[in-house]
Amino acid sequence: MSSVLALKRNSSTVRYCFEADAEPGVLPRALELLAKRGLVPARVFAQADADALSVEIEVEGLAPETADHVGQCLGEIVGVRAVF
């Protein structure tokens, strides 16, 4: 199980950064964690390189407890490899 880096850009924005297997279901599973909480990402960046997928997701307006919980859940997604 990997952790996901949750970087605070400011007091109301969290950026999650992780590397995963370049599999079709990884990004939708990550975004689903936000969607089922009624959240829309402010920014999503994903780049595939060979067999790896680098992902950054920014979300605004998360309570600290929710931000931590979402980060833990992202780290448990099958295919998530490492934090960068």
C-alpha atoms as a PDB file:
ATOM      1  CA  MET A   1       0.000   0.000   0.000  1.00  0.00           C
ATOM      2  CA  SER A   2       1.396   3.386  -1.021  1.00  0.00           C
ATOM      3  CA  SER A   3       0.807   6.808   0.384  1.00  0.00           C
ATOM      4  CA  VAL A   4      -0.224   9.760  -1.698  1.00  0.00           C
ATOM      5  CA  LEU A   5       1.436  13.100  -1.251  1.00  0.00           C
ATOM      6  CA  ALA A   6      -1.077  15.752  -0.212  1.00  0.00           C
ATOM      7  CA  LEU A   7       0.493  19.165  -0.626  1.00  0.00           C
ATOM      8  CA  LYS A   8      -1.276  22.241   0.634  1.00  0.00           C
ATOM      9  CA  ARG A   9      -0.922  24.997  -1.943  1.00  0.00           C
ATOM     10  CA  ASN A  10      -2.852  27.389   0.268  1.00  0.00           C
ATOM     11  CA  SER A  11      -5.382  27.135   3.063  1.00  0.00           C
ATOM     12  CA  SER A  12      -8.197  25.958   0.798  1.00  0.00           C
ATOM     13  CA  THR A  13      -6.472  23.906  -1.937  1.00  0.00           C
ATOM     14  CA  VAL A  14      -4.949  20.429  -1.672  1.00  0.00           C
ATOM     15  CA  ARG A  15      -2.822  18.860  -4.405  1.00  0.00           C
ATOM     16  CA  TYR A  16      -2.520  15.083  -4.537  1.00  0.00           C
ATOM     17  CA  CYS A  17       0.482  13.735  -6.481  1.00  0.00           C
ATOM     18  CA  PHE A  18       1.160  10.093  -7.230  1.00  0.00           C
ATOM     19  CA  GLU A  19       2.637   7.665  -9.730  1.00  0.00           C
ATOM     20  CA  ALA A  20       0.692   4.630 -10.871  1.00  0.00           C
ATOM     21  CA  ASP A  21       0.686   1.863 -13.422  1.00  0.00           C
ATOM     22  CA  ALA A  22      -0.405   3.153 -16.830  1.00  0.00           C
ATOM     23  CA  GLU A  23      -3.674   1.218 -16.662  1.00  0.00           C
ATOM     24  CA  PRO A  24      -6.992   2.512 -18.037  1.00  0.00           C
ATOM     25  CA  GLY A  25      -8.842   2.277 -14.707  1.00  0.00           C
ATOM     26  CA  VAL A  26      -6.435   4.117 -12.396  1.00  0.00           C
ATOM     27  CA  LEU A  27      -7.432   7.700 -13.214  1.00  0.00           C
ATOM     28  CA  PRO A  28     -11.212   7.061 -13.190  1.00  0.00           C
ATOM     29  CA  ARG A  29     -10.912   5.306  -9.814  1.00  0.00           C
ATOM     30  CA  ALA A  30      -9.005   8.289  -8.408  1.00  0.00           C
ATOM     31  CA  LEU A  31     -11.570  10.767  -9.704  1.00  0.00           C
ATOM     32  CA  GLU A  32     -14.423   8.601  -8.434  1.00  0.00           C
ATOM     33  CA  LEU A  33     -13.180   9.102  -4.866  1.00  0.00           C
ATOM     34  CA  LEU A  34     -13.835  12.811  -5.298  1.00  0.00           C
ATOM     35  CA  ALA A  35     -17.064  12.481  -7.277  1.00  0.00           C
ATOM     36  CA  LYS A  36     -18.762  10.323  -4.675  1.00  0.00           C
ATOM     37  CA  ARG A  37     -18.086  13.089  -2.145  1.00  0.00           C
ATOM     38  CA  GLY A  38     -19.662  15.696  -4.450  1.00  0.00           C
ATOM     39  CA  LEU A  39     -16.267  17.247  -5.255  1.00  0.00           C
ATOM     40  CA  VAL A  40     -15.068  18.508  -8.621  1.00  0.00           C
ATOM     41  CA  PRO A  41     -11.286  18.845  -9.032  1.00  0.00           C
ATOM     42  CA  ALA A  42     -10.020  22.346  -9.721  1.00  0.00           C
ATOM     43  CA  ARG A  43      -7.221  20.842 -11.836  1.00  0.00           C
ATOM     44  CA  VAL A  44      -6.243  17.391 -13.068  1.00  0.00           C
ATOM     45  CA  PHE A  45      -2.981  16.567 -14.806  1.00  0.00           C
ATOM     46  CA  ALA A  46      -2.046  13.073 -15.916  1.00  0.00           C
ATOM     47  CA  GLN A  47       0.845  12.049 -18.118  1.00  0.00           C
ATOM     48  CA  ALA A  48       1.638   8.530 -19.295  1.00  0.00           C
ATOM     49  CA  ASP A  49       5.264   7.620 -19.930  1.00  0.00           C
ATOM     50  CA  ALA A  50       5.970   4.014 -20.975  1.00  0.00           C
ATOM     51  CA  ASP A  51       4.321   1.959 -18.226  1.00  0.00           C
ATOM     52  CA  ALA A  52       3.897   4.736 -15.623  1.00  0.00           C
ATOM     53  CA  LEU A  53       1.196   7.327 -15.103  1.00  0.00           C
ATOM     54  CA  SER A  54       2.019  10.534 -13.200  1.00  0.00           C
ATOM     55  CA  VAL A  55      -1.039  12.225 -11.720  1.00  0.00           C
ATOM     56  CA  GLU A  56      -1.693  15.544  -9.978  1.00  0.00           C
ATOM     57  CA  ILE A  57      -5.167  16.407  -8.729  1.00  0.00           C
ATOM     58  CA  GLU A  58      -6.016  19.730  -7.082  1.00  0.00           C
ATOM     59  CA  VAL A  59      -9.139  20.078  -4.970  1.00  0.00           C
ATOM     60  CA  GLU A  60     -10.430  23.215  -3.294  1.00  0.00           C
ATOM     61  CA  GLY A  61     -12.406  23.592  -0.115  1.00  0.00           C
ATOM     62  CA  LEU A  62     -11.572  20.326   1.664  1.00  0.00           C
ATOM     63  CA  ALA A  63     -11.610  20.074   5.424  1.00  0.00           C
ATOM     64  CA  PRO A  64      -8.268  18.761   6.725  1.00  0.00           C
ATOM     65  CA  GLU A  65      -9.797  15.471   7.884  1.00  0.00           C
ATOM     66  CA  THR A  66     -11.428  14.903   4.488  1.00  0.00           C
ATOM     67  CA  ALA A  67      -8.200  15.803   2.680  1.00  0.00           C
ATOM     68  CA  ASP A  68      -6.277  13.232   4.718  1.00  0.00           C
ATOM     69  CA  HIS A  69      -8.926  10.566   4.206  1.00  0.00           C
ATOM     70  CA  VAL A  70      -9.036  11.096   0.428  1.00  0.00           C
ATOM     71  CA  GLY A  71      -5.223  10.901   0.325  1.00  0.00           C
ATOM     72  CA  GLN A  72      -5.270   7.591   2.201  1.00  0.00           C
ATOM     73  CA  CYS A  73      -7.933   6.200  -0.134  1.00  0.00           C
ATOM     74  CA  LEU A  74      -5.977   7.283  -3.213  1.00  0.00           C
ATOM     75  CA  GLY A  75      -2.956   5.431  -1.876  1.00  0.00           C
ATOM     76  CA  GLU A  76      -5.003   2.234  -1.634  1.00  0.00           C
ATOM     77  CA  ILE A  77      -6.064   2.212  -5.284  1.00  0.00           C
ATOM     78  CA  VAL A  78      -4.740  -0.846  -7.105  1.00  0.00           C
ATOM     79  CA  GLY A  79      -1.930   0.263  -9.385  1.00  0.00           C
ATOM     80  CA  VAL A  80      -0.786   3.288  -7.373  1.00  0.00           C
ATOM     81  CA  ARG A  81       2.979   2.821  -7.082  1.00  0.00           C
ATOM     82  CA  ALA A  82       4.661   5.679  -5.299  1.00  0.00           C
ATOM     83  CA  VAL A  83       4.651   9.254  -4.122  1.00  0.00           C
ATOM     84  CA  PHE A  84       6.710  11.887  -5.858  1.00  0.00           C
END
